Protein backbone atom coordinates (compact mmCIF):
# COMPACT_ATOMS: atom_id res chain seq x y z
CA MET A 1 207.16 24.72 -16.62
CA LEU A 2 203.73 23.10 -16.44
CA ARG A 3 200.60 25.13 -17.19
CA LYS A 4 197.83 25.94 -14.73
CA SER A 5 195.54 23.49 -16.51
CA GLU A 6 198.03 20.73 -15.69
CA LEU A 7 198.91 21.78 -12.15
CA LEU A 8 195.39 22.13 -10.73
CA PRO A 9 194.39 18.51 -11.55
CA MET A 10 197.76 17.40 -10.17
CA ILE A 11 196.90 18.94 -6.80
CA ASP A 12 193.56 17.13 -6.82
CA LYS A 13 195.30 13.87 -7.66
CA LEU A 14 197.83 14.24 -4.83
CA ALA A 15 195.05 14.99 -2.36
CA ALA A 16 192.84 12.12 -3.53
CA THR A 17 195.52 9.43 -3.73
CA CYS A 18 198.21 10.65 -1.28
CA GLN A 19 200.67 9.66 -4.00
CA GLY A 20 203.04 11.76 -6.06
CA THR A 21 206.20 11.46 -8.12
CA VAL A 22 209.42 13.43 -7.82
CA ALA A 23 208.58 15.20 -11.09
CA GLU A 24 205.07 16.15 -9.95
CA ILE A 25 206.21 17.45 -6.57
CA ALA A 26 209.11 19.38 -8.11
CA ALA A 27 206.71 20.98 -10.60
CA LEU A 28 204.47 22.21 -7.78
CA LEU A 29 207.48 23.46 -5.82
CA ALA A 30 208.58 25.44 -8.89
CA CYS A 31 205.14 26.95 -9.44
CA GLU A 32 204.72 30.70 -8.90
CA ASP A 33 201.20 31.06 -10.29
CA HIS A 34 199.15 32.78 -7.55
CA GLU A 35 195.91 31.01 -8.47
CA VAL A 36 197.54 27.57 -8.41
CA LEU A 37 199.28 28.27 -5.08
CA ALA A 38 196.06 29.60 -3.53
CA TYR A 39 194.40 26.35 -4.58
CA LEU A 40 197.27 24.27 -3.21
CA PHE A 41 197.15 26.00 0.19
CA ALA A 42 193.36 25.83 0.38
CA LYS A 43 193.47 22.13 -0.41
CA ALA A 44 196.16 21.51 2.21
CA HIS A 45 194.26 23.54 4.80
CA GLY A 46 191.13 21.53 4.08
CA VAL A 47 193.02 18.25 4.51
CA ARG A 48 194.41 19.47 7.82
CA GLU A 49 190.96 20.51 8.98
CA ALA A 50 189.50 17.13 8.03
CA ALA A 51 192.16 15.43 10.16
CA PHE A 52 192.32 17.77 13.17
CA GLY A 53 189.37 20.16 12.99
CA ARG A 54 190.27 23.61 14.35
CA ASP A 55 192.84 22.19 16.79
CA ILE A 56 196.40 23.49 16.85
CA TYR A 57 198.59 21.52 19.27
CA LEU A 58 200.77 23.63 21.57
CA ARG A 59 203.92 21.91 22.84
CA ALA A 60 206.52 23.06 25.34
CA ILE A 61 210.16 22.53 24.40
CA ILE A 62 213.03 22.46 26.89
CA GLU A 63 216.47 22.89 25.31
CA PHE A 64 218.46 21.40 28.16
CA SER A 65 222.01 21.33 26.75
CA ASN A 66 223.83 23.06 23.90
CA ILE A 67 226.85 20.76 24.13
CA CYS A 68 227.21 18.60 21.01
CA ARG A 69 229.66 15.99 19.79
CA CYS A 70 228.74 16.61 16.12
CA ARG A 71 230.24 18.93 13.51
CA CYS A 72 227.18 19.69 11.36
CA VAL A 73 228.32 22.58 9.20
CA TYR A 74 225.07 24.59 9.35
CA CYS A 75 224.55 24.41 13.12
CA GLY A 76 225.64 27.12 15.55
CA ILE A 77 226.09 24.70 18.44
CA ASN A 78 228.35 22.29 16.52
CA ARG A 79 231.43 21.27 18.47
CA ASP A 80 233.82 23.27 16.26
CA ASN A 81 232.24 26.61 17.19
CA GLN A 82 234.75 27.78 19.79
CA LYS A 83 232.89 31.07 20.30
CA GLN A 84 229.78 29.33 21.61
CA GLN A 85 229.26 29.57 25.37
CA ARG A 86 228.08 26.17 26.56
CA TYR A 87 225.57 25.08 29.19
CA ARG A 88 224.14 21.88 30.58
CA MET A 89 221.05 21.79 32.82
CA SER A 90 220.83 19.55 35.84
CA GLY A 91 218.09 16.97 36.13
CA GLU A 92 216.34 19.09 38.77
CA GLU A 93 216.40 22.16 36.49
CA ILE A 94 214.84 20.16 33.66
CA LEU A 95 212.18 18.69 35.94
CA ALA A 96 211.28 22.10 37.38
CA LEU A 97 210.78 23.49 33.88
CA ALA A 98 208.72 20.47 32.84
CA ASN A 99 206.51 20.83 35.91
CA THR A 100 205.98 24.52 35.19
CA ALA A 101 204.98 23.70 31.61
CA ILE A 102 202.53 21.02 32.73
CA GLU A 103 200.98 23.38 35.28
CA ALA A 104 200.65 25.98 32.50
CA GLY A 105 198.53 23.50 30.53
CA TYR A 106 200.93 21.91 28.06
CA ARG A 107 200.17 18.27 27.26
CA THR A 108 203.48 17.51 25.50
CA ILE A 109 206.98 18.16 26.84
CA VAL A 110 209.79 18.11 24.26
CA LEU A 111 213.27 17.45 25.68
CA GLN A 112 215.85 18.62 23.15
CA SER A 113 219.63 18.98 23.27
CA GLY A 114 222.77 18.74 21.24
CA GLU A 115 224.22 15.23 21.08
CA ASP A 116 225.50 15.47 24.65
CA LEU A 117 226.48 12.03 25.91
CA TRP A 118 226.74 13.27 29.51
CA TYR A 119 223.03 12.46 29.67
CA GLY A 120 223.45 8.70 29.68
CA ARG A 121 220.77 6.08 29.45
CA GLU A 122 219.85 6.07 33.14
CA VAL A 123 220.20 9.83 33.65
CA LEU A 124 217.71 10.69 30.91
CA GLY A 125 215.54 7.70 31.80
CA GLU A 126 215.11 8.98 35.37
CA ILE A 127 214.08 12.41 34.08
CA ILE A 128 211.45 10.82 31.81
CA LYS A 129 210.07 8.70 34.66
CA ARG A 130 209.88 11.70 36.98
CA ILE A 131 207.99 13.78 34.39
CA LYS A 132 205.48 10.97 34.04
CA THR A 133 204.84 11.08 37.80
CA TYR A 134 203.68 14.69 37.42
CA ASP A 135 201.01 13.62 34.93
CA ALA A 136 201.00 10.20 33.29
CA LYS A 137 198.91 11.52 30.39
CA VAL A 138 201.51 14.12 29.37
CA ALA A 139 203.48 12.99 26.31
CA VAL A 140 207.28 13.12 26.46
CA THR A 141 209.12 13.73 23.20
CA LEU A 142 212.89 13.24 22.99
CA SER A 143 215.19 14.94 20.50
CA VAL A 144 218.76 14.02 21.46
CA GLY A 145 220.13 12.59 18.22
CA GLU A 146 221.72 9.29 17.30
CA ARG A 147 221.98 6.92 20.24
CA SER A 148 222.12 3.16 20.66
CA TYR A 149 219.15 0.84 20.23
CA GLU A 150 219.52 -0.03 23.92
CA ASP A 151 219.18 3.64 24.88
CA TYR A 152 216.07 4.05 22.74
CA ALA A 153 214.54 0.87 24.16
CA TYR A 154 215.25 1.87 27.76
CA TRP A 155 213.76 5.35 27.37
CA ARG A 156 210.67 3.80 25.84
CA THR A 157 210.22 1.62 28.93
CA CYS A 158 210.66 4.74 31.07
CA GLY A 159 207.67 6.34 29.36
CA ALA A 160 209.03 8.29 26.37
CA ASP A 161 206.29 8.53 23.75
CA ARG A 162 207.83 10.27 20.75
CA TYR A 163 211.23 10.84 19.24
CA LEU A 164 212.26 13.57 16.79
CA ILE A 165 215.33 12.88 14.64
CA LYS A 166 215.27 14.78 11.35
CA HIS A 167 216.90 13.38 8.22
CA GLU A 168 217.66 17.01 7.15
CA THR A 169 218.18 16.04 3.49
CA ALA A 170 217.39 12.87 1.54
CA ASP A 171 220.37 13.31 -0.77
CA LYS A 172 223.20 11.06 0.46
CA SER A 173 226.11 13.12 -0.82
CA LEU A 174 224.63 16.41 0.41
CA TYR A 175 223.84 14.87 3.81
CA GLU A 176 227.37 13.65 4.28
CA ARG A 177 228.87 17.01 3.25
CA LEU A 178 226.71 18.73 5.82
CA HIS A 179 227.34 16.14 8.57
CA PRO A 180 231.07 15.25 8.62
CA GLY A 181 231.63 11.80 10.07
CA HIS A 182 227.97 10.78 9.74
CA ARG A 183 226.10 8.80 7.11
CA LEU A 184 222.51 9.13 5.96
CA ALA A 185 222.10 5.35 6.24
CA GLU A 186 222.91 5.55 9.96
CA ARG A 187 220.31 8.27 10.52
CA LEU A 188 217.63 6.27 8.71
CA ALA A 189 218.60 3.14 10.67
CA CYS A 190 217.94 5.05 13.90
CA GLN A 191 214.52 6.06 12.59
CA LYS A 192 213.66 2.44 11.81
CA GLN A 193 214.74 1.35 15.30
CA LEU A 194 212.53 3.99 16.86
CA GLN A 195 209.58 2.87 14.75
CA ALA A 196 210.14 -0.76 15.76
CA LEU A 197 210.17 0.22 19.45
CA GLY A 198 206.77 1.88 19.16
CA TYR A 199 207.77 5.53 19.30
CA ALA A 200 205.75 8.08 17.37
CA MET A 201 208.74 8.97 15.21
CA GLY A 202 209.35 12.42 13.80
CA SER A 203 211.67 13.49 11.01
CA GLY A 204 212.00 16.53 8.80
CA PHE A 205 214.26 18.60 6.59
CA MET A 206 215.52 22.08 5.78
CA VAL A 207 214.54 24.07 2.72
CA GLY A 208 217.21 26.07 0.90
CA LEU A 209 220.37 24.21 1.85
CA PRO A 210 223.32 25.07 -0.41
CA GLY A 211 223.39 22.46 -3.17
CA GLN A 212 219.75 21.46 -2.73
CA THR A 213 217.51 21.14 -5.80
CA LEU A 214 213.73 20.97 -6.17
CA GLU A 215 214.12 17.30 -7.02
CA ILE A 216 215.98 16.72 -3.73
CA LEU A 217 213.19 18.54 -1.88
CA ALA A 218 210.66 16.27 -3.57
CA GLN A 219 212.69 13.26 -2.42
CA ASP A 220 212.66 14.70 1.12
CA ILE A 221 208.87 14.73 1.12
CA LEU A 222 208.63 11.23 -0.30
CA LEU A 223 211.11 9.95 2.29
CA LEU A 224 208.80 11.20 5.05
CA GLN A 225 206.08 9.10 3.47
CA GLU A 226 208.33 6.08 3.05
CA MET A 227 209.38 6.22 6.71
CA GLU A 228 205.74 6.56 7.83
CA VAL A 229 206.55 9.43 10.17
CA ALA A 230 204.10 10.65 12.78
CA MET A 231 205.47 14.20 12.71
CA ALA A 232 207.70 16.24 10.41
CA GLY A 233 209.52 19.51 11.00
CA ILE A 234 210.03 21.48 7.79
CA GLY A 235 211.76 24.84 8.03
CA PRO A 236 213.93 27.21 6.02
CA PHE A 237 217.71 27.04 6.24
CA ILE A 238 219.04 30.03 8.21
CA PRO A 239 222.83 30.54 8.04
CA HIS A 240 224.67 30.97 11.33
CA PRO A 241 227.53 33.53 11.35
CA GLU A 242 229.93 31.18 13.18
CA THR A 243 229.68 28.32 10.66
CA ILE A 244 231.28 27.73 7.29
CA LEU A 245 227.89 28.42 5.67
CA ALA A 246 227.71 31.93 7.14
CA ALA A 247 227.63 33.60 3.72
CA ALA A 248 225.02 31.26 2.21
CA ALA A 249 221.58 32.55 1.26
CA LYS A 250 218.61 31.98 3.55
CA GLY A 251 216.01 29.40 2.65
CA ASP A 252 212.95 30.81 0.91
CA ILE A 253 209.78 31.12 3.03
CA ALA A 254 207.42 30.72 0.07
CA LEU A 255 209.17 27.52 -1.01
CA THR A 256 209.02 26.21 2.55
CA GLU A 257 205.28 26.83 2.68
CA LYS A 258 204.81 24.99 -0.62
CA ALA A 259 206.76 22.03 0.78
CA LEU A 260 204.53 22.04 3.87
CA ALA A 261 201.35 22.09 1.80
CA ILE A 262 202.46 19.23 -0.45
CA THR A 263 203.51 17.21 2.60
CA ARG A 264 200.06 17.75 4.09
CA LEU A 265 198.42 16.38 0.93
CA LEU A 266 200.61 13.28 0.89
CA LEU A 267 200.50 12.65 4.66
CA PRO A 268 197.03 13.83 5.77
CA THR A 269 197.36 12.95 9.46
CA VAL A 270 201.03 13.76 10.08
CA HIS A 271 201.73 16.44 12.70
CA LEU A 272 203.38 19.43 11.01
CA PRO A 273 204.76 22.22 13.19
CA ALA A 274 205.00 25.84 12.22
CA THR A 275 208.71 25.55 13.01
CA THR A 276 210.75 28.03 15.00
CA ALA A 277 212.82 28.75 11.90
CA LEU A 278 209.66 29.73 10.03
CA THR A 279 208.44 31.86 12.93
CA VAL A 280 211.77 33.70 13.07
CA GLN A 281 211.33 34.55 9.39
CA GLY A 282 207.72 35.67 9.90
CA GLY A 283 206.15 32.59 8.36
CA ARG A 284 203.94 31.23 11.16
CA LEU A 285 200.62 32.34 9.64
CA GLY A 286 201.65 31.06 6.23
CA ALA A 287 202.57 27.71 7.76
CA LEU A 288 199.17 27.37 9.41
CA ALA A 289 197.49 28.30 6.13
CA ALA A 290 199.60 25.64 4.39
CA GLY A 291 198.44 22.87 6.71
CA ALA A 292 200.58 23.05 9.88
CA ASP A 293 198.85 21.89 13.09
CA VAL A 294 201.54 22.25 15.81
CA ILE A 295 203.27 25.21 17.47
CA MET A 296 206.28 24.72 19.74
CA GLN A 297 206.72 27.18 22.60
CA LYS A 298 210.01 27.67 24.40
CA ALA A 299 210.04 26.54 28.03
CA THR A 300 213.80 27.16 28.10
CA PRO A 301 214.79 30.14 30.32
CA GLU A 302 215.73 33.26 28.37
CA ASP A 303 219.41 33.14 29.32
CA LYS A 304 219.67 29.58 27.97
CA GLN A 305 217.59 30.34 24.86
CA ARG A 306 220.22 32.87 23.83
CA LEU A 307 222.83 30.12 23.99
CA TYR A 308 220.82 27.45 22.16
CA GLU A 309 221.44 29.10 18.83
CA ILE A 310 221.33 26.55 16.04
CA TYR A 311 220.63 29.58 13.86
CA PRO A 312 220.38 33.29 14.83
CA ARG A 313 217.04 34.30 16.30
CA PRO A 314 215.82 37.12 18.55
CA VAL A 315 214.94 36.23 22.14
CA LYS A 316 212.64 38.55 24.04
CA GLU A 317 210.70 36.98 26.88
CA GLU A 318 208.05 39.32 28.28
CA TYR A 319 205.57 36.78 29.61
CA SER A 320 205.52 33.66 31.74
CA LEU A 321 205.04 30.32 30.00
CA LYS A 322 201.42 30.24 31.11
CA GLU A 323 200.85 33.79 29.86
CA LYS A 324 202.51 32.98 26.51
CA ARG A 325 200.25 29.96 26.11
CA GLN A 326 197.10 31.94 26.85
CA LEU A 327 198.16 34.76 24.53
CA LEU A 328 198.76 32.27 21.74
CA ILE A 329 195.39 30.62 22.35
CA THR A 330 193.72 34.01 22.06
CA GLN A 331 195.58 34.82 18.84
CA LEU A 332 194.69 31.45 17.34
CA ASP A 333 191.04 31.89 18.28
CA GLN A 334 190.96 35.21 16.43
CA LEU A 335 192.28 33.38 13.35
CA GLY A 336 189.64 30.64 13.60
CA TYR A 337 191.83 28.00 15.28
CA LYS A 338 191.69 26.37 18.72
CA GLY A 339 194.93 26.06 20.69
CA VAL A 340 195.00 22.81 22.68
């Protein structure tokens, strides 16, 4: 365990050079010294502020299908979960929700689903084009998994701006245990295709996966840097009761916040959400303090939210999407941030 006198200069070095080694990052992840962690978070918050000022970007996410062809062992909507009630929204349902979000003031619409191939190239392309007719300046982010280069290219021509496809873990053997039938190399190949097509590409990983080490977490952060991501979702692992990892321990919030802060130092201008998984565990404020600059808000109707359960989370909708946005803006303002 490194001493405070060694860790504090290390934080300065990471912030100044945006470079770190696996050993250095793992040492900071292992640190439990309150003074060192306060310095780490303050440094990360300062880097975020230098890049984005007081702005926190509010994005509306539409979870339009919980049907998935994959068997990821941590995910509640994986195809092997026979207890999961399934749904699939029509194009008109998706467009109505997107229009409501735009009218409420959201400038980014995130379209997310399981890997549901019913939404073919043209079907999803038409939805993207229609959203762009509502407001050409609104960004459309896709998160629909591994698809062909031709699909990615077509959606880009239709107006898709960003694509989120997390690597989940940088360790090849762990990745392939968690994703039966899939290979890490294939996931990274998709990311490279998206980069080549001009998408703002997003990745990310979970903290606290069974079998994960601090060194693997350090490799996760460095992989984000290697892939030159524009955004990165980092959240704690939350076990789902209908998966084979049901009895596994939850990912640690404090460790997740350390990973966020270190990522902010190494990638000063990357967009880092205070992820839903963190919010469920009560970690939104800590994420913002650690350098996060994005908050996703659910535009999915409550009845569908309850069915889009990658991990267990409470759903209690008391406000309209516009009201939720204004409430969040007010809360952020009281904390010294500006919701945009």
